[in-house]
């Protein structure tokens, strides 16, 4: 199976980035891993190829962030929040005309189980302010652990997708579906404060029960009505 969208993951050497790359590669997407250091990007590629097999090598590559974003349709930001503004400002010229899926959560260590609200209202709104109208921001995947993304078992968690417009949310929902999860159109970027904030609550639950994969699921809706 092949999918036409080209995906580049900014800061994709981290756990969440590798988990999403794993899922989208299996779904037939062309994926590139970005890093500030090319060597780290290539190392992440090699680690995933060991999991997936050599037949995926032709649809997978790694390089510095600026290079991988240049040829993508959708860039995915998976970095710690402390680097959020700095990374977006440096990548702004390279993101013109593209979609950016922001997976970031505004966690402020050491109190990561306490919700932090950025001045703009959410990390996704912060990203849209920095990037301006030349890039469309999508918010998704904040509540899914990398352990689940790299597993083969069914993921019993839903994904809320927010976006600057219906086109953005449609792309986000397709990427969620192709990653093997159930997504919901959660409305405009202003609503991204909710799934971002839920992450801190899930971290607290994980700690209470000594687990790693607490999640959320929408109930009471027939999936056929979605």
Protein backbone atom coordinates (compact mmCIF):
# COMPACT_ATOMS: atom_id res chain seq x y z
CA UNK A 1 0.00 0.00 0.00
CA UNK A 2 1.27 3.49 -0.88
CA UNK A 3 0.14 6.91 0.32
CA UNK A 4 0.98 10.05 -1.61
CA UNK A 5 1.61 12.43 1.28
CA UNK A 6 5.27 12.87 2.18
CA UNK A 7 5.81 13.17 5.92
CA UNK A 8 8.83 14.68 7.66
CA UNK A 9 9.21 14.45 11.42
CA UNK A 10 11.04 17.39 12.98
CA UNK A 11 12.96 16.16 15.98
CA UNK A 12 11.99 12.65 14.95
CA UNK A 13 14.80 10.94 16.84
CA UNK A 14 12.77 11.06 20.06
CA UNK A 15 10.43 8.32 21.25
CA UNK A 16 7.17 9.85 19.99
CA UNK A 17 8.66 10.69 16.60
CA UNK A 18 9.95 7.17 16.09
CA UNK A 19 6.61 5.70 17.16
CA UNK A 20 4.69 7.77 14.62
CA UNK A 21 7.24 7.04 11.89
CA UNK A 22 6.85 3.32 12.60
CA UNK A 23 3.07 3.51 12.21
CA UNK A 24 3.08 5.62 9.04
CA UNK A 25 5.78 3.57 7.34
CA UNK A 26 3.70 0.45 7.89
CA UNK A 27 0.76 2.30 6.32
CA UNK A 28 2.75 2.96 3.15
CA UNK A 29 3.85 6.56 3.62
CA UNK A 30 7.19 8.02 2.63
CA UNK A 31 8.71 9.27 5.91
CA UNK A 32 11.86 11.23 6.70
CA UNK A 33 13.34 11.70 10.16
CA UNK A 34 14.81 15.10 10.98
CA UNK A 35 17.28 16.14 13.66
CA UNK A 36 19.68 18.97 14.34
CA UNK A 37 22.43 16.40 13.72
CA UNK A 38 22.30 14.22 10.61
CA UNK A 39 24.09 11.36 12.41
CA UNK A 40 21.31 11.12 15.02
CA UNK A 41 18.66 11.08 12.30
CA UNK A 42 20.41 8.26 10.47
CA UNK A 43 20.79 6.32 13.71
CA UNK A 44 17.03 6.58 14.33
CA UNK A 45 16.39 5.35 10.79
CA UNK A 46 18.63 2.32 11.33
CA UNK A 47 16.89 1.47 14.62
CA UNK A 48 13.48 1.52 12.97
CA UNK A 49 14.65 -0.48 9.96
CA UNK A 50 15.70 -3.21 12.41
CA UNK A 51 12.10 -3.31 13.65
CA UNK A 52 10.43 -3.03 10.26
CA UNK A 53 12.79 -4.91 7.93
CA UNK A 54 15.00 -3.88 5.01
CA UNK A 55 12.06 -3.72 2.59
CA UNK A 56 11.13 -0.37 4.18
CA UNK A 57 14.52 1.23 3.59
CA UNK A 58 13.60 2.83 0.25
CA UNK A 59 10.69 4.74 1.80
CA UNK A 60 12.63 5.99 4.80
CA UNK A 61 15.49 8.48 5.19
CA UNK A 62 17.08 10.79 7.73
CA UNK A 63 18.82 14.17 7.58
CA UNK A 64 18.89 17.57 9.29
CA UNK A 65 15.50 19.16 9.96
CA UNK A 66 15.74 21.83 7.24
CA UNK A 67 16.57 19.27 4.56
CA UNK A 68 13.81 16.78 5.36
CA UNK A 69 11.14 19.49 5.56
CA UNK A 70 12.05 20.92 2.16
CA UNK A 71 10.47 17.99 0.30
CA UNK A 72 7.50 17.14 2.54
CA UNK A 73 3.77 17.83 2.40
CA UNK A 74 3.21 17.46 6.15
CA UNK A 75 5.82 18.24 8.79
CA UNK A 76 5.29 16.74 12.24
CA UNK A 77 6.76 18.43 15.31
CA UNK A 78 7.63 16.02 18.13
CA UNK A 79 10.00 17.89 20.43
CA UNK A 80 9.99 18.78 24.14
CA UNK A 81 8.06 21.98 24.76
CA UNK A 82 11.12 23.83 26.09
CA UNK A 83 12.43 23.93 22.49
CA UNK A 84 9.07 24.70 20.90
CA UNK A 85 9.40 28.43 20.14
CA UNK A 86 13.05 28.24 19.18
CA UNK A 87 12.48 25.37 16.74
CA UNK A 88 9.42 26.95 15.13
CA UNK A 89 11.15 30.28 14.63
CA UNK A 90 14.15 28.61 13.00
CA UNK A 91 11.98 26.38 10.78
CA UNK A 92 9.48 29.07 9.75
CA UNK A 93 11.05 29.80 6.33
CA UNK A 94 11.06 26.08 5.50
CA UNK A 95 7.42 25.49 6.48
CA UNK A 96 5.82 27.95 4.06
CA UNK A 97 3.06 26.33 2.05
CA UNK A 98 3.04 23.19 4.18
CA UNK A 99 0.96 21.64 6.92
CA UNK A 100 2.48 21.28 10.39
CA UNK A 101 1.13 18.65 12.75
CA UNK A 102 2.11 19.77 16.24
CA UNK A 103 2.25 16.89 18.71
CA UNK A 104 3.85 19.06 21.40
CA UNK A 105 2.46 19.31 24.91
CA UNK A 106 3.32 22.35 27.07
CA UNK A 107 4.74 20.35 29.98
CA UNK A 108 6.93 22.25 32.44
CA UNK A 109 9.21 19.94 34.45
CA UNK A 110 9.26 18.92 37.18
CA UNK A 111 5.49 19.46 37.50
CA UNK A 112 4.53 17.58 34.36
CA UNK A 113 1.35 16.24 35.96
CA UNK A 114 0.06 19.82 36.38
CA UNK A 115 -1.54 21.50 33.37
CA UNK A 116 0.43 24.44 31.99
CA UNK A 117 -1.30 26.86 29.61
CA UNK A 118 0.94 28.93 27.31
CA UNK A 119 0.25 32.64 26.82
CA UNK A 120 -1.37 31.93 23.43
CA UNK A 121 -3.71 29.33 24.96
CA UNK A 122 -2.04 26.14 23.69
CA UNK A 123 1.14 24.92 22.02
CA UNK A 124 -0.73 24.59 18.71
CA UNK A 125 -1.97 28.20 18.86
CA UNK A 126 1.57 29.28 19.71
CA UNK A 127 2.81 27.44 16.63
CA UNK A 128 0.21 29.08 14.38
CA UNK A 129 1.09 32.54 15.71
CA UNK A 130 4.78 32.03 15.04
CA UNK A 131 4.33 30.47 11.59
CA UNK A 132 1.58 32.81 10.38
CA UNK A 133 -0.84 32.19 7.54
CA UNK A 134 1.77 30.59 5.27
CA UNK A 135 1.56 27.32 7.21
CA UNK A 136 -1.53 25.46 8.42
CA UNK A 137 -1.24 23.89 11.88
CA UNK A 138 -2.85 20.63 12.94
CA UNK A 139 -2.92 19.43 16.56
CA UNK A 140 -3.06 15.68 17.30
CA UNK A 141 -1.57 12.63 19.09
CA UNK A 142 -0.92 14.36 22.44
CA UNK A 143 -2.55 11.55 24.46
CA UNK A 144 -0.90 8.47 22.90
CA UNK A 145 2.22 6.97 24.45
CA UNK A 146 5.13 5.92 22.26
CA UNK A 147 4.99 2.44 23.83
CA UNK A 148 1.57 1.96 22.22
CA UNK A 149 2.70 3.34 18.87
CA UNK A 150 5.56 0.84 18.71
CA UNK A 151 3.39 -2.10 19.77
CA UNK A 152 1.36 -4.45 17.60
CA UNK A 153 -1.67 -4.60 19.89
CA UNK A 154 -4.88 -2.70 19.24
CA UNK A 155 -4.71 0.78 20.73
CA UNK A 156 -7.80 1.48 22.83
CA UNK A 157 -7.31 5.26 22.85
CA UNK A 158 -8.85 7.95 20.67
CA UNK A 159 -7.11 10.94 19.11
CA UNK A 160 -8.57 14.45 19.09
CA UNK A 161 -7.66 16.40 15.96
CA UNK A 162 -7.81 20.20 15.93
CA UNK A 163 -6.88 22.38 12.98
CA UNK A 164 -6.96 25.84 11.55
CA UNK A 165 -9.55 24.75 8.95
CA UNK A 166 -11.50 21.71 7.71
CA UNK A 167 -8.80 20.78 5.20
CA UNK A 168 -6.20 20.63 7.96
CA UNK A 169 -8.42 18.52 10.20
CA UNK A 170 -9.22 16.19 7.30
CA UNK A 171 -5.52 15.53 6.71
CA UNK A 172 -4.98 15.05 10.43
CA UNK A 173 -7.84 12.56 10.68
CA UNK A 174 -6.50 10.59 7.73
CA UNK A 175 -3.06 10.35 9.32
CA UNK A 176 -4.63 9.20 12.58
CA UNK A 177 -6.67 6.53 10.79
CA UNK A 178 -3.66 5.30 8.83
CA UNK A 179 -1.68 5.08 12.07
CA UNK A 180 -4.29 2.56 13.22
CA UNK A 181 -6.20 4.77 15.65
CA UNK A 182 -9.66 6.33 15.86
CA UNK A 183 -9.67 10.08 15.43
CA UNK A 184 -12.28 12.74 16.14
CA UNK A 185 -12.70 16.17 14.59
CA UNK A 186 -12.26 18.31 17.72
CA UNK A 187 -12.71 21.64 15.96
CA UNK A 188 -10.49 24.70 15.63
CA UNK A 189 -7.05 25.16 17.15
CA UNK A 190 -8.57 27.02 20.08
CA UNK A 191 -9.89 23.65 21.29
CA UNK A 192 -6.40 22.12 21.34
CA UNK A 193 -6.04 23.34 24.95
CA UNK A 194 -8.18 20.34 26.01
CA UNK A 195 -6.18 17.40 24.55
CA UNK A 196 -2.93 19.13 25.45
CA UNK A 197 -4.10 19.56 29.05
CA UNK A 198 -5.35 15.96 29.23
CA UNK A 199 -1.77 14.77 28.87
CA UNK A 200 -0.87 16.00 32.35
CA UNK A 201 -3.88 14.20 33.79
CA UNK A 202 -2.89 10.98 32.01
CA UNK A 203 0.65 11.31 33.34
CA UNK A 204 -0.80 11.56 36.85
CA UNK A 205 -2.93 8.44 36.27
CA UNK A 206 0.06 6.55 34.86
CA UNK A 207 2.01 7.34 38.01
CA UNK A 208 -0.82 6.33 40.31
CA UNK A 209 -1.15 2.90 38.69
CA UNK A 210 2.49 2.36 37.64
CA UNK A 211 1.59 2.10 33.95
CA UNK A 212 2.65 3.92 30.76
CA UNK A 213 -0.36 3.87 28.46
CA UNK A 214 -3.44 5.45 30.04
CA UNK A 215 -5.60 7.04 27.36
CA UNK A 216 -9.00 8.51 26.55
CA UNK A 217 -11.90 7.18 24.49
CA UNK A 218 -15.15 8.75 23.28
CA UNK A 219 -18.22 6.69 24.19
CA UNK A 220 -21.89 6.82 23.32
CA UNK A 221 -21.34 7.44 19.60
CA UNK A 222 -21.83 4.85 16.88
CA UNK A 223 -18.59 4.99 14.89
CA UNK A 224 -20.68 4.74 11.69
CA UNK A 225 -22.08 8.17 12.49
CA UNK A 226 -18.64 9.77 12.58
